[in-house]
């Protein structure tokens, strides 16, 4: 097996794996708040306390994956084009 063919096979395997992950679990944790839903701050004694709500995920702690966003856009375009 040539190196180019092996690289192509690995790329296909990774892509199909990501498609399966996007279909099975379309949401991932928010990168800003790490799935908590709000920023953590500390009080004067150094204990963690709840801060402002996360603006990126709107306090859900979840974000939609990029692959799922692309799939939803493709499905919406296809559905609007076949009406």
C-alpha atoms as a PDB file:
ATOM      1  CA  UNK A   1       0.000   0.000   0.000  1.00  0.00           C
ATOM      2  CA  UNK A   2       1.473   3.330  -1.007  1.00  0.00           C
ATOM      3  CA  UNK A   3       1.768   6.154   1.533  1.00  0.00           C
ATOM      4  CA  UNK A   4      -0.693   8.335  -0.396  1.00  0.00           C
ATOM      5  CA  UNK A   5      -3.306   5.587  -0.447  1.00  0.00           C
ATOM      6  CA  UNK A   6      -2.767   4.920   3.248  1.00  0.00           C
ATOM      7  CA  UNK A   7      -3.171   8.640   4.044  1.00  0.00           C
ATOM      8  CA  UNK A   8      -6.351   8.764   1.973  1.00  0.00           C
ATOM      9  CA  UNK A   9      -7.773   5.720   3.775  1.00  0.00           C
ATOM     10  CA  UNK A  10      -6.995   7.292   7.159  1.00  0.00           C
ATOM     11  CA  UNK A  11      -8.653  10.543   6.079  1.00  0.00           C
ATOM     12  CA  UNK A  12     -11.789   8.679   4.999  1.00  0.00           C
ATOM     13  CA  UNK A  13     -11.877   6.750   8.295  1.00  0.00           C
ATOM     14  CA  UNK A  14     -11.551   9.938  10.370  1.00  0.00           C
ATOM     15  CA  UNK A  15     -14.229  11.702   8.314  1.00  0.00           C
ATOM     16  CA  UNK A  16     -16.682   8.829   8.644  1.00  0.00           C
ATOM     17  CA  UNK A  17     -15.968   8.659  12.374  1.00  0.00           C
ATOM     18  CA  UNK A  18     -16.749  12.376  12.737  1.00  0.00           C
ATOM     19  CA  UNK A  19     -19.992  11.956  10.773  1.00  0.00           C
ATOM     20  CA  UNK A  20     -21.045   9.175  13.143  1.00  0.00           C
ATOM     21  CA  UNK A  21     -20.211  11.336  16.180  1.00  0.00           C
ATOM     22  CA  UNK A  22     -22.192  14.276  14.726  1.00  0.00           C
ATOM     23  CA  UNK A  23     -25.191  12.033  14.114  1.00  0.00           C
ATOM     24  CA  UNK A  24     -25.078  10.331  17.511  1.00  0.00           C
ATOM     25  CA  UNK A  25     -24.204  13.361  19.652  1.00  0.00           C
ATOM     26  CA  UNK A  26     -24.864  16.644  17.800  1.00  0.00           C
ATOM     27  CA  UNK A  27     -24.037  18.852  20.790  1.00  0.00           C
ATOM     28  CA  UNK A  28     -20.689  19.274  22.548  1.00  0.00           C
ATOM     29  CA  UNK A  29     -19.675  21.251  25.610  1.00  0.00           C
ATOM     30  CA  UNK A  30     -19.189  24.983  25.212  1.00  0.00           C
ATOM     31  CA  UNK A  31     -15.556  25.989  24.775  1.00  0.00           C
ATOM     32  CA  UNK A  32     -15.937  29.199  26.730  1.00  0.00           C
ATOM     33  CA  UNK A  33     -17.604  27.959  29.917  1.00  0.00           C
ATOM     34  CA  UNK A  34     -16.545  24.281  29.588  1.00  0.00           C
ATOM     35  CA  UNK A  35     -20.153  23.075  29.879  1.00  0.00           C
ATOM     36  CA  UNK A  36     -20.988  24.862  33.113  1.00  0.00           C
ATOM     37  CA  UNK A  37     -23.204  27.548  31.546  1.00  0.00           C
ATOM     38  CA  UNK A  38     -21.615  30.482  33.324  1.00  0.00           C
ATOM     39  CA  UNK A  39     -18.212  31.944  34.018  1.00  0.00           C
ATOM     40  CA  UNK A  40     -16.589  31.043  37.318  1.00  0.00           C
ATOM     41  CA  UNK A  41     -15.211  33.806  39.498  1.00  0.00           C
ATOM     42  CA  UNK A  42     -13.763  33.749  42.975  1.00  0.00           C
ATOM     43  CA  UNK A  43     -14.795  35.667  46.046  1.00  0.00           C
ATOM     44  CA  UNK A  44     -12.333  37.480  48.301  1.00  0.00           C
ATOM     45  CA  UNK A  45     -11.477  34.275  50.138  1.00  0.00           C
ATOM     46  CA  UNK A  46     -10.581  32.462  46.907  1.00  0.00           C
ATOM     47  CA  UNK A  47     -13.630  30.196  46.822  1.00  0.00           C
ATOM     48  CA  UNK A  48     -15.221  29.705  43.399  1.00  0.00           C
ATOM     49  CA  UNK A  49     -18.595  31.329  42.871  1.00  0.00           C
ATOM     50  CA  UNK A  50     -20.979  31.680  40.003  1.00  0.00           C
ATOM     51  CA  UNK A  51     -20.235  34.574  37.680  1.00  0.00           C
ATOM     52  CA  UNK A  52     -21.945  35.988  34.613  1.00  0.00           C
ATOM     53  CA  UNK A  53     -23.992  33.757  32.296  1.00  0.00           C
ATOM     54  CA  UNK A  54     -22.083  32.526  29.263  1.00  0.00           C
ATOM     55  CA  UNK A  55     -22.975  34.572  26.194  1.00  0.00           C
ATOM     56  CA  UNK A  56     -21.724  31.997  23.713  1.00  0.00           C
ATOM     57  CA  UNK A  57     -23.999  29.120  24.742  1.00  0.00           C
ATOM     58  CA  UNK A  58     -26.737  31.204  26.420  1.00  0.00           C
ATOM     59  CA  UNK A  59     -26.296  29.326  29.739  1.00  0.00           C
ATOM     60  CA  UNK A  60     -27.012  25.881  28.290  1.00  0.00           C
ATOM     61  CA  UNK A  61     -23.400  24.713  28.439  1.00  0.00           C
ATOM     62  CA  UNK A  62     -23.760  23.164  24.981  1.00  0.00           C
ATOM     63  CA  UNK A  63     -22.810  24.138  21.461  1.00  0.00           C
ATOM     64  CA  UNK A  64     -23.726  22.547  18.139  1.00  0.00           C
ATOM     65  CA  UNK A  65     -20.869  20.781  16.397  1.00  0.00           C
ATOM     66  CA  UNK A  66     -19.515  22.231  13.144  1.00  0.00           C
ATOM     67  CA  UNK A  67     -20.276  19.076  11.178  1.00  0.00           C
ATOM     68  CA  UNK A  68     -23.852  19.021  12.446  1.00  0.00           C
ATOM     69  CA  UNK A  69     -24.237  22.702  11.537  1.00  0.00           C
ATOM     70  CA  UNK A  70     -23.096  21.924   7.985  1.00  0.00           C
ATOM     71  CA  UNK A  71     -25.442  18.931   7.778  1.00  0.00           C
ATOM     72  CA  UNK A  72     -28.389  21.048   8.970  1.00  0.00           C
ATOM     73  CA  UNK A  73     -27.572  23.752   6.399  1.00  0.00           C
ATOM     74  CA  UNK A  74     -27.366  21.164   3.606  1.00  0.00           C
ATOM     75  CA  UNK A  75     -30.677  19.577   4.644  1.00  0.00           C
ATOM     76  CA  UNK A  76     -32.378  22.984   4.844  1.00  0.00           C
ATOM     77  CA  UNK A  77     -31.118  23.934   1.365  1.00  0.00           C
ATOM     78  CA  UNK A  78     -32.203  20.595  -0.101  1.00  0.00           C
ATOM     79  CA  UNK A  79     -35.632  20.800   1.520  1.00  0.00           C
ATOM     80  CA  UNK A  80     -36.212  24.373   0.283  1.00  0.00           C
ATOM     81  CA  UNK A  81     -35.039  23.457  -3.215  1.00  0.00           C
ATOM     82  CA  UNK A  82     -37.412  20.516  -3.622  1.00  0.00           C
ATOM     83  CA  UNK A  83     -40.599  22.312  -2.590  1.00  0.00           C
END
